Amino acid sequence: MSTFNVPTREEVSPNHQAIFDTLAKSIGFVPNLYATYAHSDTALENYLNFQNAKTSLTSKEKEVVNLIVSQVNECLYCLSAHTAIAKMNGFTDDQIVELRTGNASFDTKFDALVKLAKNITENRGRADQEVVNNFFEAGYTKGNLIDTIVLVGDKTISNYIHNTTQVPVDFPVAKPLETVSI
């Protein structure tokens, strides 16, 4: 049980209230994890700018990375949120589970991406050269590599915030891998 409160709109600064209003309008609610960022005077706005920055990765590729990084970092909040977002981006339940295992037998390019993101996360940035070579052989560029590393960092920030604060998950909760059939 978390002893870390999720601030309400009334408890945050006017700047954060405006961000909360924008989030509520665009996605229908203010996710607890985003609200938790608002404990800092600057973190919420900085993180949203970072998360929404331009990238060479597609929305689907971003979800491939978000899912595996959250799985490796054992972040239930982000796994739950990105399972929902991955579904909105066209992934099936089976594909989402497979991505969480670090594989994508249904798409060679996604397979190279998920393996790279997993390897980077597990090895704290010291990716195995064979995995990097496979990423390039799948058609990705050096720019894609840098953008993937940036996205691993982006997702790790949220994983660590939730893993430390344990604020309640306000998305349909992702099932543990060991309870789903692959």
N, C-alpha and C. Protein backbone atom coordinates (compact mmCIF):
# COMPACT_ATOMS: atom_id res chain seq x y z
N MET A 1 0.84 -1.19 0.00
CA MET A 1 0.00 0.00 0.00
C MET A 1 0.88 1.24 0.00
N SER A 2 0.55 2.18 -0.85
CA SER A 2 1.34 3.39 -0.98
C SER A 2 1.01 4.38 0.12
N THR A 3 2.04 4.99 0.63
CA THR A 3 1.84 6.10 1.55
C THR A 3 2.06 7.41 0.80
N PHE A 4 2.27 7.30 -0.49
CA PHE A 4 2.50 8.46 -1.35
C PHE A 4 1.17 8.87 -1.94
N ASN A 5 0.73 10.08 -1.62
CA ASN A 5 -0.58 10.50 -2.12
C ASN A 5 -0.52 10.94 -3.59
N VAL A 6 -1.63 10.80 -4.25
CA VAL A 6 -1.80 11.29 -5.62
C VAL A 6 -2.47 12.65 -5.48
N PRO A 7 -1.76 13.72 -5.83
CA PRO A 7 -2.36 15.05 -5.65
C PRO A 7 -3.57 15.27 -6.56
N THR A 8 -4.56 15.94 -6.02
CA THR A 8 -5.74 16.31 -6.80
C THR A 8 -5.49 17.64 -7.49
N ARG A 9 -6.36 18.00 -8.38
CA ARG A 9 -6.24 19.27 -9.10
C ARG A 9 -6.16 20.43 -8.12
N GLU A 10 -6.95 20.38 -7.06
CA GLU A 10 -6.99 21.47 -6.09
C GLU A 10 -5.71 21.59 -5.27
N GLU A 11 -4.92 20.53 -5.24
CA GLU A 11 -3.70 20.51 -4.43
C GLU A 11 -2.44 20.91 -5.21
N VAL A 12 -2.57 21.18 -6.49
CA VAL A 12 -1.39 21.50 -7.28
C VAL A 12 -1.39 22.97 -7.70
N SER A 13 -0.27 23.41 -8.19
CA SER A 13 -0.10 24.81 -8.60
C SER A 13 -1.01 25.14 -9.79
N PRO A 14 -1.26 26.44 -10.01
CA PRO A 14 -2.07 26.82 -11.18
C PRO A 14 -1.49 26.31 -12.50
N ASN A 15 -0.16 26.27 -12.64
CA ASN A 15 0.46 25.73 -13.85
C ASN A 15 0.10 24.25 -14.01
N HIS A 16 0.18 23.52 -12.92
CA HIS A 16 -0.17 22.10 -12.97
C HIS A 16 -1.66 21.91 -13.18
N GLN A 17 -2.48 22.79 -12.63
CA GLN A 17 -3.92 22.68 -12.86
C GLN A 17 -4.23 22.78 -14.35
N ALA A 18 -3.53 23.68 -15.04
CA ALA A 18 -3.73 23.82 -16.49
C ALA A 18 -3.30 22.54 -17.22
N ILE A 19 -2.20 21.94 -16.77
CA ILE A 19 -1.74 20.67 -17.38
C ILE A 19 -2.76 19.57 -17.09
N PHE A 20 -3.25 19.51 -15.86
CA PHE A 20 -4.27 18.51 -15.51
C PHE A 20 -5.49 18.68 -16.42
N ASP A 21 -5.91 19.93 -16.64
CA ASP A 21 -7.07 20.20 -17.49
C ASP A 21 -6.83 19.71 -18.92
N THR A 22 -5.64 19.96 -19.44
CA THR A 22 -5.28 19.51 -20.79
C THR A 22 -5.29 17.99 -20.87
N LEU A 23 -4.71 17.34 -19.86
CA LEU A 23 -4.69 15.87 -19.83
C LEU A 23 -6.12 15.32 -19.77
N ALA A 24 -6.94 15.90 -18.92
CA ALA A 24 -8.32 15.43 -18.77
C ALA A 24 -9.09 15.59 -20.08
N LYS A 25 -8.83 16.69 -20.77
CA LYS A 25 -9.51 16.94 -22.05
C LYS A 25 -9.01 15.98 -23.14
N SER A 26 -7.71 15.72 -23.17
CA SER A 26 -7.16 14.91 -24.26
C SER A 26 -7.30 13.41 -24.04
N ILE A 27 -7.17 12.93 -22.80
CA ILE A 27 -7.26 11.49 -22.59
C ILE A 27 -8.42 11.07 -21.68
N GLY A 28 -9.15 12.04 -21.18
CA GLY A 28 -10.35 11.72 -20.40
C GLY A 28 -10.16 11.71 -18.90
N PHE A 29 -8.92 11.71 -18.44
CA PHE A 29 -8.64 11.74 -17.00
C PHE A 29 -7.17 12.09 -16.80
N VAL A 30 -6.79 12.36 -15.57
CA VAL A 30 -5.39 12.61 -15.25
C VAL A 30 -4.84 11.32 -14.62
N PRO A 31 -4.00 10.60 -15.34
CA PRO A 31 -3.45 9.37 -14.78
C PRO A 31 -2.71 9.65 -13.45
N ASN A 32 -2.87 8.73 -12.52
CA ASN A 32 -2.24 8.89 -11.20
C ASN A 32 -0.74 9.12 -11.28
N LEU A 33 -0.08 8.45 -12.21
CA LEU A 33 1.38 8.63 -12.30
C LEU A 33 1.72 10.05 -12.73
N TYR A 34 1.00 10.59 -13.70
CA TYR A 34 1.24 11.98 -14.10
C TYR A 34 0.95 12.92 -12.94
N ALA A 35 -0.13 12.69 -12.23
CA ALA A 35 -0.45 13.54 -11.08
C ALA A 35 0.67 13.49 -10.05
N THR A 36 1.28 12.33 -9.89
CA THR A 36 2.37 12.18 -8.92
C THR A 36 3.57 13.03 -9.31
N TYR A 37 3.83 13.16 -10.60
CA TYR A 37 4.90 14.05 -11.06
C TYR A 37 4.69 15.47 -10.54
N ALA A 38 3.44 15.86 -10.32
CA ALA A 38 3.11 17.23 -9.92
C ALA A 38 3.53 17.55 -8.49
N HIS A 39 4.05 16.58 -7.75
CA HIS A 39 4.65 16.90 -6.44
C HIS A 39 5.84 17.83 -6.64
N SER A 40 6.46 17.74 -7.79
CA SER A 40 7.58 18.62 -8.15
C SER A 40 7.02 19.82 -8.91
N ASP A 41 7.62 20.97 -8.70
CA ASP A 41 7.17 22.17 -9.42
C ASP A 41 7.47 22.09 -10.91
N THR A 42 8.42 21.25 -11.30
CA THR A 42 8.87 21.23 -12.69
C THR A 42 8.76 19.89 -13.40
N ALA A 43 8.70 18.79 -12.67
CA ALA A 43 8.84 17.46 -13.27
C ALA A 43 7.73 17.11 -14.25
N LEU A 44 6.46 17.45 -13.93
CA LEU A 44 5.36 17.07 -14.81
C LEU A 44 5.51 17.70 -16.19
N GLU A 45 5.68 18.99 -16.23
CA GLU A 45 5.82 19.68 -17.52
C GLU A 45 7.06 19.20 -18.27
N ASN A 46 8.18 19.07 -17.54
CA ASN A 46 9.41 18.61 -18.18
C ASN A 46 9.24 17.20 -18.75
N TYR A 47 8.62 16.32 -17.99
CA TYR A 47 8.44 14.95 -18.45
C TYR A 47 7.52 14.89 -19.66
N LEU A 48 6.40 15.60 -19.61
CA LEU A 48 5.47 15.57 -20.75
C LEU A 48 6.13 16.13 -22.01
N ASN A 49 6.94 17.17 -21.86
CA ASN A 49 7.68 17.70 -23.02
C ASN A 49 8.65 16.65 -23.56
N PHE A 50 9.34 15.97 -22.66
CA PHE A 50 10.29 14.92 -23.04
C PHE A 50 9.54 13.77 -23.72
N GLN A 51 8.46 13.33 -23.11
CA GLN A 51 7.70 12.20 -23.63
C GLN A 51 7.07 12.50 -24.99
N ASN A 52 6.68 13.73 -25.20
CA ASN A 52 5.99 14.09 -26.45
C ASN A 52 6.92 14.72 -27.49
N ALA A 53 8.22 14.67 -27.25
CA ALA A 53 9.18 15.23 -28.21
C ALA A 53 9.17 14.42 -29.50
N LYS A 54 9.62 15.03 -30.57
CA LYS A 54 9.70 14.35 -31.86
C LYS A 54 10.67 13.18 -31.77
N THR A 55 10.37 12.13 -32.52
CA THR A 55 11.20 10.94 -32.57
C THR A 55 11.06 10.30 -33.94
N SER A 56 12.05 9.51 -34.31
CA SER A 56 11.99 8.79 -35.58
C SER A 56 11.18 7.50 -35.44
N LEU A 57 10.78 7.14 -34.23
CA LEU A 57 10.02 5.92 -34.01
C LEU A 57 8.53 6.17 -34.19
N THR A 58 7.84 5.19 -34.75
CA THR A 58 6.39 5.29 -34.92
C THR A 58 5.71 5.06 -33.57
N SER A 59 4.42 5.32 -33.51
CA SER A 59 3.66 5.08 -32.28
C SER A 59 3.74 3.61 -31.88
N LYS A 60 3.63 2.72 -32.85
CA LYS A 60 3.71 1.28 -32.54
C LYS A 60 5.10 0.91 -32.04
N GLU A 61 6.13 1.45 -32.66
CA GLU A 61 7.49 1.16 -32.21
C GLU A 61 7.72 1.67 -30.79
N LYS A 62 7.16 2.82 -30.49
CA LYS A 62 7.28 3.36 -29.13
C LYS A 62 6.63 2.41 -28.12
N GLU A 63 5.50 1.83 -28.47
CA GLU A 63 4.84 0.91 -27.54
C GLU A 63 5.63 -0.38 -27.38
N VAL A 64 6.30 -0.82 -28.43
CA VAL A 64 7.19 -2.00 -28.32
C VAL A 64 8.22 -1.73 -27.23
N VAL A 65 8.85 -0.57 -27.30
CA VAL A 65 9.89 -0.21 -26.33
C VAL A 65 9.27 -0.02 -24.94
N ASN A 66 8.16 0.71 -24.86
CA ASN A 66 7.53 0.98 -23.57
C ASN A 66 7.15 -0.30 -22.84
N LEU A 67 6.63 -1.27 -23.57
CA LEU A 67 6.21 -2.53 -22.96
C LEU A 67 7.39 -3.32 -22.41
N ILE A 68 8.44 -3.48 -23.21
CA ILE A 68 9.55 -4.32 -22.75
C ILE A 68 10.34 -3.64 -21.64
N VAL A 69 10.53 -2.34 -21.72
CA VAL A 69 11.26 -1.64 -20.66
C VAL A 69 10.48 -1.75 -19.34
N SER A 70 9.17 -1.56 -19.41
CA SER A 70 8.34 -1.66 -18.21
C SER A 70 8.33 -3.08 -17.66
N GLN A 71 8.40 -4.07 -18.54
CA GLN A 71 8.47 -5.47 -18.09
C GLN A 71 9.79 -5.73 -17.38
N VAL A 72 10.89 -5.33 -18.01
CA VAL A 72 12.21 -5.55 -17.39
C VAL A 72 12.30 -4.83 -16.05
N ASN A 73 11.77 -3.62 -15.98
CA ASN A 73 11.83 -2.84 -14.74
C ASN A 73 10.71 -3.18 -13.76
N GLU A 74 9.89 -4.18 -14.13
CA GLU A 74 8.82 -4.66 -13.26
C GLU A 74 7.91 -3.55 -12.76
N CYS A 75 7.45 -2.70 -13.68
CA CYS A 75 6.57 -1.59 -13.32
C CYS A 75 5.14 -1.92 -13.74
N LEU A 76 4.34 -2.32 -12.78
CA LEU A 76 2.96 -2.71 -13.05
C LEU A 76 2.15 -1.55 -13.61
N TYR A 77 2.37 -0.36 -13.11
CA TYR A 77 1.61 0.81 -13.59
C TYR A 77 1.85 0.99 -15.09
N CYS A 78 3.11 1.05 -15.49
CA CYS A 78 3.44 1.32 -16.89
C CYS A 78 3.07 0.15 -17.79
N LEU A 79 3.22 -1.07 -17.29
CA LEU A 79 2.76 -2.24 -18.07
C LEU A 79 1.26 -2.14 -18.34
N SER A 80 0.51 -1.74 -17.32
CA SER A 80 -0.93 -1.62 -17.46
C SER A 80 -1.29 -0.51 -18.44
N ALA A 81 -0.68 0.66 -18.26
CA ALA A 81 -0.97 1.80 -19.14
C ALA A 81 -0.59 1.48 -20.58
N HIS A 82 0.58 0.89 -20.78
CA HIS A 82 1.05 0.65 -22.15
C HIS A 82 0.40 -0.57 -22.79
N THR A 83 -0.16 -1.46 -22.01
CA THR A 83 -0.99 -2.51 -22.58
C THR A 83 -2.22 -1.88 -23.22
N ALA A 84 -2.84 -0.94 -22.50
CA ALA A 84 -4.02 -0.24 -23.04
C ALA A 84 -3.65 0.58 -24.27
N ILE A 85 -2.53 1.28 -24.21
CA ILE A 85 -2.10 2.13 -25.34
C ILE A 85 -1.71 1.26 -26.53
N ALA A 86 -1.04 0.14 -26.27
CA ALA A 86 -0.66 -0.77 -27.37
C ALA A 86 -1.90 -1.29 -28.08
N LYS A 87 -2.95 -1.61 -27.33
CA LYS A 87 -4.20 -2.05 -27.95
C LYS A 87 -4.77 -0.94 -28.82
N MET A 88 -4.72 0.30 -28.35
CA MET A 88 -5.21 1.43 -29.14
C MET A 88 -4.39 1.62 -30.41
N ASN A 89 -3.14 1.16 -30.39
CA ASN A 89 -2.26 1.25 -31.56
C ASN A 89 -2.32 0.02 -32.45
N GLY A 90 -3.26 -0.90 -32.16
CA GLY A 90 -3.48 -2.02 -33.06
C GLY A 90 -2.84 -3.34 -32.70
N PHE A 91 -2.15 -3.42 -31.58
CA PHE A 91 -1.58 -4.70 -31.17
C PHE A 91 -2.66 -5.57 -30.54
N THR A 92 -2.58 -6.87 -30.77
CA THR A 92 -3.51 -7.81 -30.16
C THR A 92 -3.00 -8.18 -28.76
N ASP A 93 -3.86 -8.81 -27.97
CA ASP A 93 -3.46 -9.26 -26.63
C ASP A 93 -2.27 -10.22 -26.73
N ASP A 94 -2.31 -11.15 -27.67
CA ASP A 94 -1.21 -12.12 -27.82
C ASP A 94 0.10 -11.43 -28.21
N GLN A 95 0.01 -10.44 -29.10
CA GLN A 95 1.22 -9.71 -29.51
C GLN A 95 1.79 -8.92 -28.32
N ILE A 96 0.93 -8.34 -27.52
CA ILE A 96 1.39 -7.58 -26.35
C ILE A 96 2.12 -8.50 -25.38
N VAL A 97 1.55 -9.64 -25.11
CA VAL A 97 2.20 -10.60 -24.21
C VAL A 97 3.55 -11.03 -24.79
N GLU A 98 3.58 -11.32 -26.08
CA GLU A 98 4.84 -11.74 -26.70
C GLU A 98 5.89 -10.62 -26.61
N LEU A 99 5.48 -9.39 -26.85
CA LEU A 99 6.42 -8.27 -26.73
C LEU A 99 6.99 -8.18 -25.32
N ARG A 100 6.14 -8.42 -24.34
CA ARG A 100 6.58 -8.38 -22.94
C ARG A 100 7.61 -9.46 -22.63
N THR A 101 7.64 -10.52 -23.43
CA THR A 101 8.65 -11.58 -23.25
C THR A 101 9.96 -11.22 -23.96
N GLY A 102 9.94 -10.15 -24.75
CA GLY A 102 11.14 -9.75 -25.48
C GLY A 102 11.22 -10.33 -26.87
N ASN A 103 10.08 -10.71 -27.42
CA ASN A 103 10.03 -11.29 -28.76
C ASN A 103 8.88 -10.70 -29.56
N ALA A 104 9.00 -10.80 -30.89
CA ALA A 104 7.92 -10.37 -31.78
C ALA A 104 7.98 -11.24 -33.04
N SER A 105 7.56 -12.48 -32.90
CA SER A 105 7.62 -13.42 -34.04
C SER A 105 6.73 -12.96 -35.19
N PHE A 106 5.79 -12.07 -34.91
CA PHE A 106 4.85 -11.58 -35.91
C PHE A 106 5.41 -10.45 -36.77
N ASP A 107 6.62 -9.94 -36.45
CA ASP A 107 7.19 -8.82 -37.21
C ASP A 107 8.69 -8.77 -36.96
N THR A 108 9.49 -8.99 -38.01
CA THR A 108 10.94 -9.04 -37.87
C THR A 108 11.53 -7.74 -37.34
N LYS A 109 11.00 -6.63 -37.82
CA LYS A 109 11.54 -5.34 -37.39
C LYS A 109 11.23 -5.09 -35.90
N PHE A 110 9.99 -5.36 -35.50
CA PHE A 110 9.63 -5.21 -34.09
C PHE A 110 10.46 -6.16 -33.22
N ASP A 111 10.76 -7.35 -33.75
CA ASP A 111 11.55 -8.32 -33.00
C ASP A 111 12.95 -7.76 -32.71
N ALA A 112 13.56 -7.15 -33.71
CA ALA A 112 14.89 -6.56 -33.51
C ALA A 112 14.81 -5.39 -32.52
N LEU A 113 13.75 -4.61 -32.59
CA LEU A 113 13.58 -3.46 -31.70
C LEU A 113 13.35 -3.92 -30.26
N VAL A 114 12.47 -4.88 -30.06
CA VAL A 114 12.16 -5.32 -28.69
C VAL A 114 13.38 -5.98 -28.05
N LYS A 115 14.15 -6.71 -28.85
CA LYS A 115 15.36 -7.35 -28.33
C LYS A 115 16.40 -6.30 -27.95
N LEU A 116 16.53 -5.25 -28.76
CA LEU A 116 17.48 -4.18 -28.45
C LEU A 116 17.06 -3.44 -27.18
N ALA A 117 15.80 -3.04 -27.10
CA ALA A 117 15.34 -2.29 -25.93
C ALA A 117 15.49 -3.12 -24.66
N LYS A 118 15.20 -4.41 -24.75
CA LYS A 118 15.36 -5.30 -23.59
C LYS A 118 16.83 -5.37 -23.20
N ASN A 119 17.70 -5.56 -24.19
CA ASN A 119 19.13 -5.70 -23.93
C ASN A 119 19.71 -4.42 -23.32
N ILE A 120 19.31 -3.28 -23.84
CA ILE A 120 19.78 -1.99 -23.31
C ILE A 120 19.34 -1.84 -21.85
N THR A 121 18.08 -2.16 -21.58
CA THR A 121 17.54 -2.00 -20.24
C THR A 121 18.21 -2.96 -19.26
N GLU A 122 18.31 -4.21 -19.63
CA GLU A 122 18.92 -5.21 -18.74
C GLU A 122 20.40 -4.92 -18.48
N ASN A 123 21.09 -4.38 -19.47
CA ASN A 123 22.54 -4.16 -19.36
C ASN A 123 22.91 -2.72 -19.06
N ARG A 124 21.91 -1.93 -18.66
CA ARG A 124 22.13 -0.53 -18.28
C ARG A 124 22.88 0.25 -19.34
N GLY A 125 22.45 0.05 -20.58
CA GLY A 125 23.01 0.81 -21.69
C GLY A 125 24.16 0.15 -22.41
N ARG A 126 24.65 -0.93 -21.88
CA ARG A 126 25.78 -1.62 -22.53
C ARG A 126 25.24 -2.73 -23.42
N ALA A 127 24.67 -2.33 -24.55
CA ALA A 127 24.04 -3.29 -25.45
C ALA A 127 25.06 -4.23 -26.07
N ASP A 128 24.65 -5.49 -26.24
CA ASP A 128 25.49 -6.47 -26.92
C ASP A 128 25.58 -6.08 -28.40
N GLN A 129 26.79 -6.12 -28.95
CA GLN A 129 27.00 -5.72 -30.34
C GLN A 129 26.16 -6.54 -31.32
N GLU A 130 26.00 -7.82 -31.04
CA GLU A 130 25.20 -8.67 -31.92
C GLU A 130 23.75 -8.19 -31.98
N VAL A 131 23.22 -7.75 -30.86
CA VAL A 131 21.84 -7.25 -30.80
C VAL A 131 21.74 -5.93 -31.58
N VAL A 132 22.74 -5.07 -31.43
CA VAL A 132 22.76 -3.80 -32.17
C VAL A 132 22.86 -4.09 -33.67
N ASN A 133 23.73 -5.00 -34.05
CA ASN A 133 23.88 -5.35 -35.48
C ASN A 133 22.57 -5.87 -36.05
N ASN A 134 21.88 -6.71 -35.29
CA ASN A 134 20.59 -7.25 -35.72
C ASN A 134 19.57 -6.12 -35.91
N PHE A 135 19.60 -5.13 -35.05
CA PHE A 135 18.74 -3.95 -35.14
C PHE A 135 18.98 -3.23 -36.47
N PHE A 136 20.25 -3.01 -36.80
CA PHE A 136 20.59 -2.35 -38.06
C PHE A 136 20.21 -3.21 -39.26
N GLU A 137 20.45 -4.52 -39.17
CA GLU A 137 20.12 -5.43 -40.27
C GLU A 137 18.61 -5.48 -40.53
N ALA A 138 17.82 -5.16 -39.50
CA ALA A 138 16.36 -5.15 -39.66
C ALA A 138 15.88 -3.87 -40.36
N GLY A 139 16.80 -2.95 -40.62
CA GLY A 139 16.44 -1.75 -41.36
C GLY A 139 16.44 -0.46 -40.55
N TYR A 140 16.83 -0.55 -39.30
CA TYR A 140 16.88 0.66 -38.47
C TYR A 140 18.18 1.41 -38.72
N THR A 141 18.17 2.69 -38.37
CA THR A 141 19.32 3.58 -38.59
C THR A 141 19.98 3.94 -37.26
N LYS A 142 21.10 4.63 -37.36
CA LYS A 142 21.77 5.14 -36.15
C LYS A 142 20.86 6.13 -35.42
N GLY A 143 20.11 6.91 -36.17
CA GLY A 143 19.15 7.84 -35.55
C GLY A 143 18.08 7.08 -34.77
N ASN A 144 17.59 5.97 -35.35
CA ASN A 144 16.61 5.13 -34.64
C ASN A 144 17.22 4.56 -33.36
N LEU A 145 18.50 4.20 -33.43
CA LEU A 145 19.17 3.66 -32.24
C LEU A 145 19.18 4.71 -31.13
N ILE A 146 19.57 5.92 -31.45
CA ILE A 146 19.61 6.99 -30.45
C ILE A 146 18.21 7.25 -29.90
N ASP A 147 17.22 7.31 -30.79
CA ASP A 147 15.84 7.55 -30.33
C ASP A 147 15.33 6.41 -29.46
N THR A 148 15.75 5.18 -29.73
CA THR A 148 15.37 4.04 -28.89
C THR A 148 15.98 4.18 -27.51
N ILE A 149 17.24 4.55 -27.45
CA ILE A 149 17.90 4.74 -26.15
C ILE A 149 17.22 5.86 -25.36
N VAL A 150 16.87 6.95 -26.03
CA VAL A 150 16.16 8.05 -25.37
C VAL A 150 14.83 7.55 -24.82
N LEU A 151 14.11 6.74 -25.60
CA LEU A 151 12.83 6.22 -25.15
C LEU A 151 12.99 5.25 -23.97
N VAL A 152 14.05 4.46 -23.98
CA VAL A 152 14.33 3.59 -22.83
C VAL A 152 14.50 4.46 -21.58
N GLY A 153 15.23 5.56 -21.71
CA GLY A 153 15.41 6.47 -20.58
C GLY A 153 14.10 7.10 -20.14
N ASP A 154 13.30 7.53 -21.09
CA ASP A 154 11.99 8.13 -20.81
C ASP A 154 11.14 7.15 -19.99
N LYS A 155 11.02 5.93 -20.46
CA LYS A 155 10.16 4.96 -19.78
C LYS A 155 10.73 4.57 -18.44
N THR A 156 12.05 4.47 -18.34
CA THR A 156 12.68 4.12 -17.07
C THR A 156 12.35 5.15 -15.99
N ILE A 157 12.28 6.42 -16.35
CA ILE A 157 11.92 7.46 -15.39
C ILE A 157 10.56 7.15 -14.77
N SER A 158 9.56 6.91 -15.60
CA SER A 158 8.23 6.60 -15.08
C SER A 158 8.21 5.29 -14.30
N ASN A 159 8.94 4.29 -14.80
CA ASN A 159 9.02 3.01 -14.07
C ASN A 159 9.55 3.24 -12.66
N TYR A 160 10.60 4.02 -12.55
CA TYR A 160 11.22 4.25 -11.25
C TYR A 160 10.31 5.06 -10.34
N ILE A 161 9.61 6.04 -10.90
CA ILE A 161 8.70 6.83 -10.07
C ILE A 161 7.60 5.94 -9.51
N HIS A 162 7.01 5.10 -10.37
CA HIS A 162 5.96 4.22 -9.83
C HIS A 162 6.53 3.18 -8.88
N ASN A 163 7.65 2.57 -9.23
CA ASN A 163 8.21 1.54 -8.36
C ASN A 163 8.57 2.10 -6.99
N THR A 164 8.88 3.39 -6.91
CA THR A 164 9.20 4.02 -5.63
C THR A 164 7.95 4.47 -4.89
N THR A 165 7.00 5.08 -5.60
CA THR A 165 5.82 5.65 -4.94
C THR A 165 4.68 4.66 -4.76
N GLN A 166 4.57 3.68 -5.66
CA GLN A 166 3.49 2.68 -5.63
C GLN A 166 2.10 3.31 -5.61
N VAL A 167 1.92 4.42 -6.36
CA VAL A 167 0.59 5.01 -6.45
C VAL A 167 -0.34 4.03 -7.14
N PRO A 168 -1.64 4.08 -6.85
CA PRO A 168 -2.57 3.11 -7.42
C PRO A 168 -2.59 3.14 -8.95
N VAL A 169 -2.70 1.95 -9.53
CA VAL A 169 -2.82 1.80 -10.98
C VAL A 169 -4.26 2.15 -11.36
N ASP A 170 -4.42 3.07 -12.29
CA ASP A 170 -5.76 3.49 -12.70
C ASP A 170 -6.05 3.13 -14.16
N PHE A 171 -5.46 2.05 -14.61
CA PHE A 171 -5.72 1.43 -15.92
C PHE A 171 -6.10 -0.02 -15.63
N PRO A 172 -6.72 -0.71 -16.60
CA PRO A 172 -6.93 -2.14 -16.39
C PRO A 172 -5.58 -2.80 -16.10
N VAL A 173 -5.48 -3.53 -15.02
CA VAL A 173 -4.19 -4.05 -14.56
C VAL A 173 -3.69 -5.17 -15.47
N ALA A 174 -2.46 -5.02 -15.93
CA ALA A 174 -1.81 -6.05 -16.76
C ALA A 174 -1.56 -7.29 -15.92
N LYS A 175 -1.83 -8.43 -16.51
CA LYS A 175 -1.62 -9.69 -15.80
C LYS A 175 -0.14 -10.05 -15.80
N PRO A 176 0.33 -10.68 -14.74
CA PRO A 176 1.73 -11.15 -14.73
C PRO A 176 1.95 -12.14 -15.87
N LEU A 177 3.13 -12.12 -16.47
CA LEU A 177 3.42 -13.01 -17.60
C LEU A 177 3.19 -14.47 -17.25
N GLU A 178 3.53 -14.85 -16.04
CA GLU A 178 3.40 -16.27 -15.71
C GLU A 178 1.95 -16.74 -15.65
N THR A 179 1.00 -15.82 -15.66
CA THR A 179 -0.42 -16.22 -15.62
C THR A 179 -1.11 -16.17 -16.98
N VAL A 180 -0.38 -15.74 -18.00
CA VAL A 180 -0.98 -15.67 -19.34
C VAL A 180 -0.32 -16.69 -20.25
N SER A 181 -1.08 -17.24 -21.16
CA SER A 181 -0.49 -18.22 -22.08
C SER A 181 0.16 -17.50 -23.25
N ILE A 182 1.30 -17.99 -23.63
CA ILE A 182 2.06 -17.34 -24.70
C ILE A 182 2.03 -18.21 -25.93
